């Protein structure tokens, strides 16, 4: 059980911090070659940075000034494509974020990092759709078509809400001993 809680803490921290960090990259028009690195400390907690912290740092995502490579490994997304996808899904994001009491900006950040707003994204590990939800995670909440933008966002937002409630809405809870 303690390992499960540690895993959830790490997931909360990684999800919130990585999503928030990368959401701003394309929107701000950051310089070419921007990379976000992920490094794990001795206890397994990730740190995200725009510079490698140690030899174990790995590139988490890349924005080259024109394209974003989402985590799902589905290839690059150009800024015009990303902006069109964001705009098309904006009403749905707003509605689902509101219905689950989550900030829409956080939901958008996660979607952007995980799938580049591509509802058909599938990672090599089996995560599916906009929020890259694992089928086993979705099964905890019922039956969902994870390729459906609405259903994927709904189950992803439920899971995120549960994580935020578990850690009282603070990523700092994930940094505590544990």
N, C-alpha and C. Protein backbone atom coordinates (compact mmCIF):
# COMPACT_ATOMS: atom_id res chain seq x y z
N UNK A 1 0.81 -1.20 0.00
CA UNK A 1 0.00 0.00 0.00
C UNK A 1 0.86 1.26 0.00
N UNK A 2 1.95 1.28 0.80
CA UNK A 2 2.82 2.45 0.83
C UNK A 2 3.42 2.71 -0.54
N UNK A 3 3.79 1.66 -1.26
CA UNK A 3 4.34 1.84 -2.60
C UNK A 3 3.29 2.40 -3.54
N UNK A 4 2.04 1.98 -3.38
CA UNK A 4 0.95 2.49 -4.20
C UNK A 4 0.74 3.98 -3.94
N UNK A 5 0.79 4.40 -2.68
CA UNK A 5 0.64 5.82 -2.35
C UNK A 5 1.81 6.60 -2.92
N UNK A 6 3.04 6.07 -2.81
CA UNK A 6 4.20 6.76 -3.37
C UNK A 6 4.03 6.91 -4.88
N UNK A 7 3.56 5.87 -5.55
CA UNK A 7 3.35 5.94 -6.99
C UNK A 7 2.32 7.01 -7.32
N UNK A 8 1.24 7.07 -6.57
CA UNK A 8 0.23 8.09 -6.82
C UNK A 8 0.78 9.48 -6.55
N UNK A 9 1.59 9.63 -5.53
CA UNK A 9 2.20 10.93 -5.26
C UNK A 9 3.07 11.34 -6.44
N UNK A 10 3.86 10.42 -6.93
CA UNK A 10 4.73 10.71 -8.06
C UNK A 10 3.89 11.05 -9.29
N UNK A 11 2.81 10.30 -9.52
CA UNK A 11 1.95 10.59 -10.66
C UNK A 11 1.34 11.97 -10.55
N UNK A 12 0.87 12.34 -9.38
CA UNK A 12 0.28 13.66 -9.18
C UNK A 12 1.31 14.73 -9.47
N UNK A 13 2.47 14.58 -8.88
CA UNK A 13 3.53 15.57 -9.05
C UNK A 13 3.94 15.67 -10.52
N UNK A 14 4.18 14.54 -11.15
CA UNK A 14 4.62 14.53 -12.54
C UNK A 14 3.56 15.12 -13.45
N UNK A 15 2.33 14.71 -13.26
CA UNK A 15 1.23 15.17 -14.09
C UNK A 15 1.04 16.67 -13.98
N UNK A 16 0.92 17.16 -12.79
CA UNK A 16 0.66 18.58 -12.59
C UNK A 16 1.84 19.44 -13.01
N UNK A 17 3.02 19.07 -12.62
CA UNK A 17 4.19 19.90 -12.91
C UNK A 17 4.60 19.84 -14.37
N UNK A 18 4.64 18.67 -14.94
CA UNK A 18 5.03 18.56 -16.33
C UNK A 18 4.00 19.21 -17.24
N UNK A 19 2.74 18.97 -16.96
CA UNK A 19 1.70 19.56 -17.77
C UNK A 19 1.72 21.07 -17.70
N UNK A 20 1.85 21.63 -16.53
CA UNK A 20 1.88 23.07 -16.37
C UNK A 20 3.11 23.65 -17.04
N UNK A 21 4.25 23.01 -16.91
CA UNK A 21 5.48 23.50 -17.50
C UNK A 21 5.40 23.52 -19.02
N UNK A 22 4.95 22.43 -19.62
CA UNK A 22 4.94 22.35 -21.07
C UNK A 22 3.80 23.10 -21.73
N UNK A 23 2.71 23.33 -21.03
CA UNK A 23 1.59 24.04 -21.63
C UNK A 23 2.02 25.42 -22.10
N UNK A 24 2.90 26.06 -21.36
CA UNK A 24 3.33 27.41 -21.68
C UNK A 24 4.32 27.46 -22.83
N UNK A 25 5.02 26.39 -23.13
CA UNK A 25 6.08 26.42 -24.12
C UNK A 25 5.58 26.88 -25.48
N UNK A 26 4.64 26.18 -26.15
CA UNK A 26 4.21 26.63 -27.46
C UNK A 26 3.47 27.97 -27.40
N UNK A 27 2.69 28.18 -26.38
CA UNK A 27 1.91 29.41 -26.28
C UNK A 27 2.80 30.64 -26.17
N UNK A 28 3.98 30.51 -25.58
CA UNK A 28 4.88 31.64 -25.41
C UNK A 28 5.84 31.81 -26.58
N UNK A 29 5.82 30.89 -27.52
CA UNK A 29 6.73 30.99 -28.64
C UNK A 29 8.18 30.89 -28.19
N UNK A 30 8.46 29.96 -27.33
CA UNK A 30 9.80 29.79 -26.78
C UNK A 30 10.78 29.49 -27.90
N UNK A 31 12.03 29.84 -27.68
CA UNK A 31 13.08 29.69 -28.68
C UNK A 31 13.19 28.26 -29.20
N UNK A 32 13.76 28.16 -30.40
CA UNK A 32 13.96 26.84 -30.99
C UNK A 32 14.79 25.93 -30.09
N UNK A 33 14.50 24.66 -30.16
CA UNK A 33 15.27 23.68 -29.44
C UNK A 33 14.97 23.57 -27.96
N UNK A 34 13.81 24.08 -27.52
CA UNK A 34 13.47 23.98 -26.12
C UNK A 34 13.18 22.52 -25.77
N UNK A 35 13.87 22.05 -24.75
CA UNK A 35 13.66 20.68 -24.29
C UNK A 35 13.29 20.72 -22.82
N UNK A 36 12.42 19.82 -22.46
CA UNK A 36 12.07 19.64 -21.06
C UNK A 36 12.67 18.29 -20.66
N UNK A 37 13.47 18.32 -19.61
CA UNK A 37 14.14 17.13 -19.14
C UNK A 37 13.46 16.60 -17.89
N UNK A 38 13.49 15.28 -17.74
CA UNK A 38 12.98 14.63 -16.53
C UNK A 38 14.14 13.86 -15.90
N UNK A 39 14.32 14.08 -14.60
CA UNK A 39 15.34 13.38 -13.84
C UNK A 39 14.69 12.83 -12.58
N UNK A 40 15.00 11.60 -12.22
CA UNK A 40 14.46 11.01 -11.00
C UNK A 40 15.50 11.11 -9.88
N UNK A 41 15.03 11.46 -8.67
CA UNK A 41 15.94 11.48 -7.53
C UNK A 41 16.04 10.07 -6.94
N UNK A 42 16.81 9.92 -5.88
CA UNK A 42 17.06 8.60 -5.28
C UNK A 42 15.79 7.91 -4.81
N UNK A 43 14.77 8.69 -4.46
CA UNK A 43 13.52 8.09 -3.98
C UNK A 43 12.52 7.83 -5.11
N UNK A 44 12.91 8.17 -6.35
CA UNK A 44 12.04 7.91 -7.49
C UNK A 44 11.14 9.05 -7.87
N UNK A 45 11.29 10.20 -7.23
CA UNK A 45 10.47 11.35 -7.58
C UNK A 45 11.08 12.09 -8.77
N UNK A 46 10.24 12.49 -9.73
CA UNK A 46 10.78 13.18 -10.90
C UNK A 46 10.96 14.68 -10.64
N UNK A 47 11.94 15.24 -11.33
CA UNK A 47 12.14 16.68 -11.38
C UNK A 47 12.14 17.06 -12.85
N UNK A 48 11.47 18.14 -13.19
CA UNK A 48 11.41 18.60 -14.57
C UNK A 48 12.18 19.91 -14.67
N UNK A 49 12.94 20.05 -15.75
CA UNK A 49 13.79 21.22 -15.91
C UNK A 49 14.03 21.48 -17.39
N UNK A 50 14.46 22.71 -17.69
CA UNK A 50 14.82 23.02 -19.07
C UNK A 50 16.30 22.72 -19.33
N UNK A 51 17.00 22.19 -18.33
CA UNK A 51 18.41 21.80 -18.45
C UNK A 51 18.57 20.41 -17.83
N UNK A 52 19.49 19.59 -18.38
CA UNK A 52 19.74 18.31 -17.73
C UNK A 52 20.34 18.55 -16.34
N UNK A 53 19.88 17.82 -15.36
CA UNK A 53 20.35 17.98 -13.99
C UNK A 53 21.50 17.04 -13.69
N UNK A 54 21.46 15.86 -14.31
CA UNK A 54 22.52 14.87 -14.10
C UNK A 54 22.63 14.01 -15.35
N UNK A 55 23.52 13.05 -15.30
CA UNK A 55 23.68 12.15 -16.44
C UNK A 55 22.43 11.31 -16.68
N UNK A 56 21.63 11.16 -15.66
CA UNK A 56 20.41 10.34 -15.82
C UNK A 56 19.24 11.13 -16.39
N UNK A 57 19.40 12.44 -16.61
CA UNK A 57 18.32 13.26 -17.17
C UNK A 57 17.99 12.79 -18.58
N UNK A 58 16.70 12.69 -18.86
CA UNK A 58 16.25 12.30 -20.19
C UNK A 58 15.29 13.35 -20.72
N UNK A 59 15.29 13.53 -22.04
CA UNK A 59 14.37 14.47 -22.66
C UNK A 59 12.96 13.94 -22.49
N UNK A 60 12.10 14.78 -21.94
CA UNK A 60 10.71 14.43 -21.68
C UNK A 60 9.83 14.87 -22.85
N UNK A 61 10.08 16.06 -23.39
CA UNK A 61 9.34 16.58 -24.53
C UNK A 61 10.21 17.64 -25.20
N UNK A 62 9.90 17.93 -26.45
CA UNK A 62 10.69 18.89 -27.22
C UNK A 62 9.76 19.84 -27.96
N UNK A 63 10.13 21.11 -27.96
CA UNK A 63 9.47 22.11 -28.79
C UNK A 63 10.56 22.84 -29.54
N UNK A 64 10.52 22.78 -30.87
CA UNK A 64 11.61 23.36 -31.67
C UNK A 64 11.30 24.75 -32.20
N UNK A 65 10.27 25.38 -31.70
CA UNK A 65 9.88 26.70 -32.20
C UNK A 65 8.74 26.62 -33.19
N UNK A 66 8.58 25.46 -33.80
CA UNK A 66 7.52 25.26 -34.78
C UNK A 66 6.66 24.04 -34.48
N UNK A 67 7.24 23.05 -33.80
CA UNK A 67 6.54 21.80 -33.56
C UNK A 67 6.75 21.32 -32.14
N UNK A 68 5.75 20.62 -31.61
CA UNK A 68 5.81 19.99 -30.30
C UNK A 68 5.77 18.48 -30.50
N UNK A 69 6.65 17.76 -29.82
CA UNK A 69 6.61 16.30 -29.82
C UNK A 69 5.96 15.86 -28.52
N UNK A 70 4.69 15.45 -28.55
CA UNK A 70 4.01 15.00 -27.32
C UNK A 70 4.58 13.70 -26.80
N UNK A 71 4.30 13.42 -25.54
CA UNK A 71 4.79 12.21 -24.88
C UNK A 71 4.29 10.93 -25.53
N UNK A 72 3.15 10.95 -26.16
CA UNK A 72 2.58 9.73 -26.73
C UNK A 72 3.45 9.16 -27.85
N UNK A 73 4.44 9.94 -28.31
CA UNK A 73 5.33 9.44 -29.34
C UNK A 73 4.66 9.31 -30.69
N UNK A 74 3.69 10.16 -30.95
CA UNK A 74 2.91 10.06 -32.18
C UNK A 74 3.43 10.98 -33.27
N UNK A 75 4.59 11.57 -33.07
CA UNK A 75 5.16 12.47 -34.06
C UNK A 75 4.87 13.92 -33.70
N UNK A 76 5.52 14.82 -34.42
CA UNK A 76 5.40 16.23 -34.09
C UNK A 76 4.05 16.81 -34.48
N UNK A 77 3.69 17.88 -33.79
CA UNK A 77 2.48 18.65 -34.07
C UNK A 77 2.92 20.09 -34.33
N UNK A 78 2.52 20.65 -35.45
CA UNK A 78 2.90 22.03 -35.74
C UNK A 78 2.04 22.98 -34.93
N UNK A 79 2.50 24.21 -34.78
CA UNK A 79 1.72 25.19 -34.03
C UNK A 79 0.35 25.43 -34.64
N UNK A 80 0.23 25.58 -35.97
CA UNK A 80 -1.13 25.74 -36.52
C UNK A 80 -2.04 24.54 -36.23
N UNK A 81 -1.49 23.32 -36.30
CA UNK A 81 -2.29 22.13 -35.97
C UNK A 81 -2.69 22.15 -34.50
N UNK A 82 -1.74 22.46 -33.64
CA UNK A 82 -1.99 22.49 -32.21
C UNK A 82 -3.04 23.54 -31.87
N UNK A 83 -2.92 24.72 -32.46
CA UNK A 83 -3.90 25.79 -32.20
C UNK A 83 -5.29 25.41 -32.69
N UNK A 84 -5.38 24.77 -33.85
CA UNK A 84 -6.69 24.34 -34.37
C UNK A 84 -7.31 23.28 -33.46
N UNK A 85 -6.50 22.35 -33.00
CA UNK A 85 -7.01 21.30 -32.10
C UNK A 85 -7.46 21.89 -30.77
N UNK A 86 -6.66 22.82 -30.23
CA UNK A 86 -7.03 23.48 -28.98
C UNK A 86 -8.38 24.18 -29.13
N UNK A 87 -8.51 24.94 -30.21
CA UNK A 87 -9.74 25.72 -30.44
C UNK A 87 -10.95 24.80 -30.58
N UNK A 88 -10.79 23.71 -31.31
CA UNK A 88 -11.91 22.78 -31.52
C UNK A 88 -12.36 22.14 -30.22
N UNK A 89 -11.43 21.88 -29.31
CA UNK A 89 -11.77 21.18 -28.07
C UNK A 89 -12.03 22.12 -26.88
N UNK A 90 -11.82 23.42 -27.07
CA UNK A 90 -11.96 24.38 -25.97
C UNK A 90 -13.30 24.29 -25.24
N UNK A 91 -14.45 24.28 -25.94
CA UNK A 91 -15.73 24.19 -25.21
C UNK A 91 -15.85 22.92 -24.37
N UNK A 92 -15.39 21.81 -24.91
CA UNK A 92 -15.44 20.54 -24.19
C UNK A 92 -14.52 20.57 -22.97
N UNK A 93 -13.32 21.11 -23.13
CA UNK A 93 -12.37 21.23 -22.01
C UNK A 93 -12.99 22.07 -20.91
N UNK A 94 -13.57 23.21 -21.27
CA UNK A 94 -14.16 24.10 -20.28
C UNK A 94 -15.29 23.41 -19.52
N UNK A 95 -16.15 22.71 -20.26
CA UNK A 95 -17.29 22.04 -19.63
C UNK A 95 -16.85 20.92 -18.68
N UNK A 96 -15.93 20.10 -19.13
CA UNK A 96 -15.48 18.98 -18.30
C UNK A 96 -14.68 19.48 -17.10
N UNK A 97 -13.82 20.45 -17.31
CA UNK A 97 -13.05 21.01 -16.19
C UNK A 97 -14.00 21.57 -15.14
N UNK A 98 -15.00 22.30 -15.58
CA UNK A 98 -15.97 22.89 -14.65
C UNK A 98 -16.76 21.81 -13.92
N UNK A 99 -17.17 20.78 -14.64
CA UNK A 99 -17.99 19.73 -14.00
C UNK A 99 -17.21 18.93 -12.96
N UNK A 100 -15.89 18.92 -13.07
CA UNK A 100 -15.08 18.16 -12.11
C UNK A 100 -14.30 19.06 -11.15
N UNK A 101 -14.52 20.37 -11.24
CA UNK A 101 -13.86 21.30 -10.32
C UNK A 101 -12.36 21.39 -10.52
N UNK A 102 -11.92 21.31 -11.77
CA UNK A 102 -10.49 21.37 -12.11
C UNK A 102 -10.27 22.62 -12.96
N UNK A 103 -9.14 23.25 -12.80
CA UNK A 103 -8.81 24.40 -13.64
C UNK A 103 -8.66 23.94 -15.09
N UNK A 104 -9.33 24.63 -16.00
CA UNK A 104 -9.26 24.28 -17.42
C UNK A 104 -7.83 24.36 -17.94
N UNK A 105 -7.05 25.30 -17.45
CA UNK A 105 -5.66 25.43 -17.91
C UNK A 105 -4.85 24.18 -17.58
N UNK A 106 -5.09 23.59 -16.43
CA UNK A 106 -4.38 22.36 -16.07
C UNK A 106 -4.81 21.21 -16.97
N UNK A 107 -6.10 21.11 -17.22
CA UNK A 107 -6.60 20.05 -18.09
C UNK A 107 -6.00 20.20 -19.50
N UNK A 108 -5.97 21.43 -20.02
CA UNK A 108 -5.39 21.67 -21.34
C UNK A 108 -3.90 21.36 -21.35
N UNK A 109 -3.21 21.70 -20.28
CA UNK A 109 -1.77 21.44 -20.21
C UNK A 109 -1.49 19.95 -20.29
N UNK A 110 -2.27 19.17 -19.58
CA UNK A 110 -2.08 17.72 -19.58
C UNK A 110 -2.36 17.16 -20.97
N UNK A 111 -3.44 17.60 -21.58
CA UNK A 111 -3.80 17.11 -22.91
C UNK A 111 -2.71 17.47 -23.92
N UNK A 112 -2.20 18.68 -23.83
CA UNK A 112 -1.17 19.12 -24.77
C UNK A 112 0.10 18.29 -24.63
N UNK A 113 0.53 18.08 -23.42
CA UNK A 113 1.76 17.33 -23.17
C UNK A 113 1.59 15.87 -23.54
N UNK A 114 0.48 15.29 -23.16
CA UNK A 114 0.30 13.86 -23.35
C UNK A 114 0.01 13.47 -24.80
N UNK A 115 -0.81 14.25 -25.51
CA UNK A 115 -1.24 13.80 -26.84
C UNK A 115 -1.16 14.86 -27.93
N UNK A 116 -0.82 16.10 -27.57
CA UNK A 116 -0.85 17.15 -28.59
C UNK A 116 -2.25 17.38 -29.10
N UNK A 117 -3.25 17.17 -28.24
CA UNK A 117 -4.67 17.31 -28.57
C UNK A 117 -5.11 16.34 -29.67
N UNK A 118 -4.49 15.18 -29.74
CA UNK A 118 -4.84 14.15 -30.72
C UNK A 118 -5.63 13.06 -30.02
N UNK A 119 -6.93 12.98 -30.31
CA UNK A 119 -7.81 12.01 -29.66
C UNK A 119 -7.47 10.58 -30.03
N UNK A 120 -6.74 10.38 -31.12
CA UNK A 120 -6.40 9.02 -31.57
C UNK A 120 -5.02 8.57 -31.09
N UNK A 121 -4.37 9.37 -30.25
CA UNK A 121 -3.03 9.03 -29.78
C UNK A 121 -3.06 7.74 -28.96
N UNK A 122 -2.04 6.93 -29.15
CA UNK A 122 -1.85 5.71 -28.37
C UNK A 122 -0.36 5.56 -28.12
N UNK A 123 0.02 5.47 -26.86
CA UNK A 123 1.44 5.37 -26.52
C UNK A 123 1.91 3.93 -26.67
N UNK A 124 3.22 3.74 -26.76
CA UNK A 124 3.76 2.38 -26.81
C UNK A 124 3.41 1.56 -25.56
N UNK A 125 3.11 2.22 -24.45
CA UNK A 125 2.75 1.52 -23.20
C UNK A 125 1.26 1.21 -23.12
N UNK A 126 0.46 1.73 -24.10
CA UNK A 126 -0.96 1.42 -24.13
C UNK A 126 -1.89 2.51 -23.64
N UNK A 127 -1.34 3.68 -23.26
CA UNK A 127 -2.19 4.79 -22.86
C UNK A 127 -2.91 5.33 -24.09
N UNK A 128 -4.16 5.75 -23.92
CA UNK A 128 -5.02 6.06 -25.05
C UNK A 128 -5.61 7.46 -24.95
N UNK A 129 -5.72 8.11 -26.12
CA UNK A 129 -6.50 9.32 -26.27
C UNK A 129 -5.86 10.60 -25.79
N UNK A 130 -6.70 11.61 -25.66
CA UNK A 130 -6.26 12.96 -25.33
C UNK A 130 -5.43 13.03 -24.06
N UNK A 131 -5.90 12.40 -22.99
CA UNK A 131 -5.22 12.48 -21.71
C UNK A 131 -4.33 11.27 -21.45
N UNK A 132 -4.19 10.41 -22.46
CA UNK A 132 -3.35 9.22 -22.36
C UNK A 132 -3.70 8.41 -21.11
N UNK A 133 -4.94 8.00 -21.06
CA UNK A 133 -5.47 7.22 -19.94
C UNK A 133 -5.20 5.74 -20.20
N UNK A 134 -4.71 5.06 -19.19
CA UNK A 134 -4.50 3.62 -19.29
C UNK A 134 -5.86 2.93 -19.13
N UNK A 135 -6.13 1.89 -19.90
CA UNK A 135 -7.40 1.19 -19.79
C UNK A 135 -7.72 0.72 -18.37
N UNK A 136 -6.72 0.26 -17.63
CA UNK A 136 -6.96 -0.20 -16.26
C UNK A 136 -7.41 0.95 -15.35
N UNK A 137 -6.88 2.14 -15.59
CA UNK A 137 -7.31 3.31 -14.81
C UNK A 137 -8.76 3.64 -15.14
N UNK A 138 -9.09 3.64 -16.41
CA UNK A 138 -10.46 3.95 -16.83
C UNK A 138 -11.44 2.93 -16.26
N UNK A 139 -11.05 1.67 -16.18
CA UNK A 139 -11.93 0.62 -15.68
C UNK A 139 -12.35 0.86 -14.23
N UNK A 140 -11.53 1.57 -13.47
CA UNK A 140 -11.90 1.91 -12.09
C UNK A 140 -13.15 2.78 -12.03
N UNK A 141 -13.40 3.51 -13.10
CA UNK A 141 -14.50 4.47 -13.12
C UNK A 141 -15.68 4.01 -13.98
N UNK A 142 -15.59 2.85 -14.57
CA UNK A 142 -16.67 2.34 -15.40
C UNK A 142 -16.16 2.03 -16.79
N UNK A 143 -17.08 1.96 -17.74
CA UNK A 143 -16.74 1.62 -19.12
C UNK A 143 -16.64 2.90 -19.93
N UNK A 144 -15.53 3.08 -20.63
CA UNK A 144 -15.31 4.28 -21.43
C UNK A 144 -14.71 3.93 -22.77
N UNK A 145 -15.08 4.69 -23.80
CA UNK A 145 -14.41 4.64 -25.10
C UNK A 145 -13.29 5.68 -25.00
N UNK A 146 -12.07 5.23 -24.77
CA UNK A 146 -10.97 6.15 -24.52
C UNK A 146 -10.55 6.93 -25.77
N UNK A 147 -11.03 6.54 -26.94
CA UNK A 147 -10.76 7.31 -28.15
C UNK A 147 -11.78 8.44 -28.34
N UNK A 148 -12.86 8.42 -27.57
CA UNK A 148 -13.84 9.50 -27.62
C UNK A 148 -13.29 10.68 -26.82
N UNK A 149 -13.14 11.86 -27.44
CA UNK A 149 -12.60 13.01 -26.70
C UNK A 149 -13.35 13.29 -25.40
N UNK A 150 -14.67 13.26 -25.46
CA UNK A 150 -15.46 13.57 -24.27
C UNK A 150 -15.26 12.53 -23.17
N UNK A 151 -15.32 11.26 -23.53
CA UNK A 151 -15.18 10.21 -22.52
C UNK A 151 -13.75 10.14 -21.97
N UNK A 152 -12.76 10.34 -22.82
CA UNK A 152 -11.38 10.32 -22.37
C UNK A 152 -11.11 11.46 -21.39
N UNK A 153 -11.57 12.66 -21.75
CA UNK A 153 -11.39 13.80 -20.86
C UNK A 153 -12.15 13.60 -19.56
N UNK A 154 -13.34 13.02 -19.65
CA UNK A 154 -14.15 12.81 -18.45
C UNK A 154 -13.44 11.88 -17.47
N UNK A 155 -12.99 10.73 -17.94
CA UNK A 155 -12.33 9.79 -17.02
C UNK A 155 -10.98 10.35 -16.58
N UNK A 156 -10.26 11.02 -17.47
CA UNK A 156 -8.98 11.63 -17.09
C UNK A 156 -9.16 12.71 -16.05
N UNK A 157 -10.20 13.52 -16.20
CA UNK A 157 -10.48 14.59 -15.23
C UNK A 157 -10.92 14.00 -13.89
N UNK A 158 -11.70 12.93 -13.91
CA UNK A 158 -12.09 12.27 -12.66
C UNK A 158 -10.86 11.77 -11.90
N UNK A 159 -9.98 11.12 -12.64
CA UNK A 159 -8.77 10.59 -12.02
C UNK A 159 -7.89 11.72 -11.47
N UNK A 160 -7.74 12.77 -12.26
CA UNK A 160 -6.96 13.92 -11.80
C UNK A 160 -7.59 14.56 -10.57
N UNK A 161 -8.91 14.70 -10.58
CA UNK A 161 -9.62 15.26 -9.42
C UNK A 161 -9.37 14.41 -8.18
N UNK A 162 -9.44 13.09 -8.35
CA UNK A 162 -9.20 12.20 -7.22
C UNK A 162 -7.77 12.34 -6.69
N UNK A 163 -6.81 12.47 -7.59
CA UNK A 163 -5.43 12.67 -7.15
C UNK A 163 -5.27 14.00 -6.42
N UNK A 164 -5.89 15.03 -6.97
CA UNK A 164 -5.81 16.35 -6.32
C UNK A 164 -6.47 16.33 -4.94
N UNK A 165 -7.59 15.62 -4.82
CA UNK A 165 -8.24 15.50 -3.51
C UNK A 165 -7.38 14.69 -2.55
N UNK A 166 -6.77 13.63 -3.05
CA UNK A 166 -5.93 12.80 -2.21
C UNK A 166 -4.78 13.61 -1.61
N UNK A 167 -4.25 14.54 -2.40
CA UNK A 167 -3.12 15.34 -1.94
C UNK A 167 -3.54 16.76 -1.58
N UNK A 168 -4.83 16.94 -1.32
CA UNK A 168 -5.38 18.21 -0.86
C UNK A 168 -5.06 19.36 -1.82
N UNK A 169 -5.01 19.05 -3.11
CA UNK A 169 -4.83 20.06 -4.13
C UNK A 169 -3.44 20.64 -4.22
N UNK A 170 -2.49 20.03 -3.52
CA UNK A 170 -1.15 20.59 -3.51
C UNK A 170 -0.13 19.57 -4.01
N UNK A 171 0.65 19.98 -4.99
CA UNK A 171 1.74 19.11 -5.45
C UNK A 171 2.77 18.96 -4.35
N UNK A 172 2.85 19.94 -3.44
CA UNK A 172 3.86 19.86 -2.38
C UNK A 172 3.63 18.62 -1.54
N UNK A 173 2.40 18.12 -1.50
CA UNK A 173 2.13 16.88 -0.75
C UNK A 173 2.91 15.73 -1.36
N UNK A 174 3.12 15.79 -2.66
CA UNK A 174 3.86 14.73 -3.34
C UNK A 174 5.34 14.78 -3.00
N UNK A 175 5.83 15.91 -2.54
CA UNK A 175 7.24 16.04 -2.22
C UNK A 175 7.57 15.65 -0.79
N UNK A 176 6.55 15.36 -0.01
CA UNK A 176 6.79 15.00 1.38
C UNK A 176 7.47 13.64 1.49
N UNK A 177 7.84 13.29 2.69
CA UNK A 177 8.49 11.99 2.87
C UNK A 177 7.53 10.89 2.55
N UNK A 178 8.07 9.76 2.13
CA UNK A 178 7.10 8.79 1.89
C UNK A 178 7.35 7.56 1.27
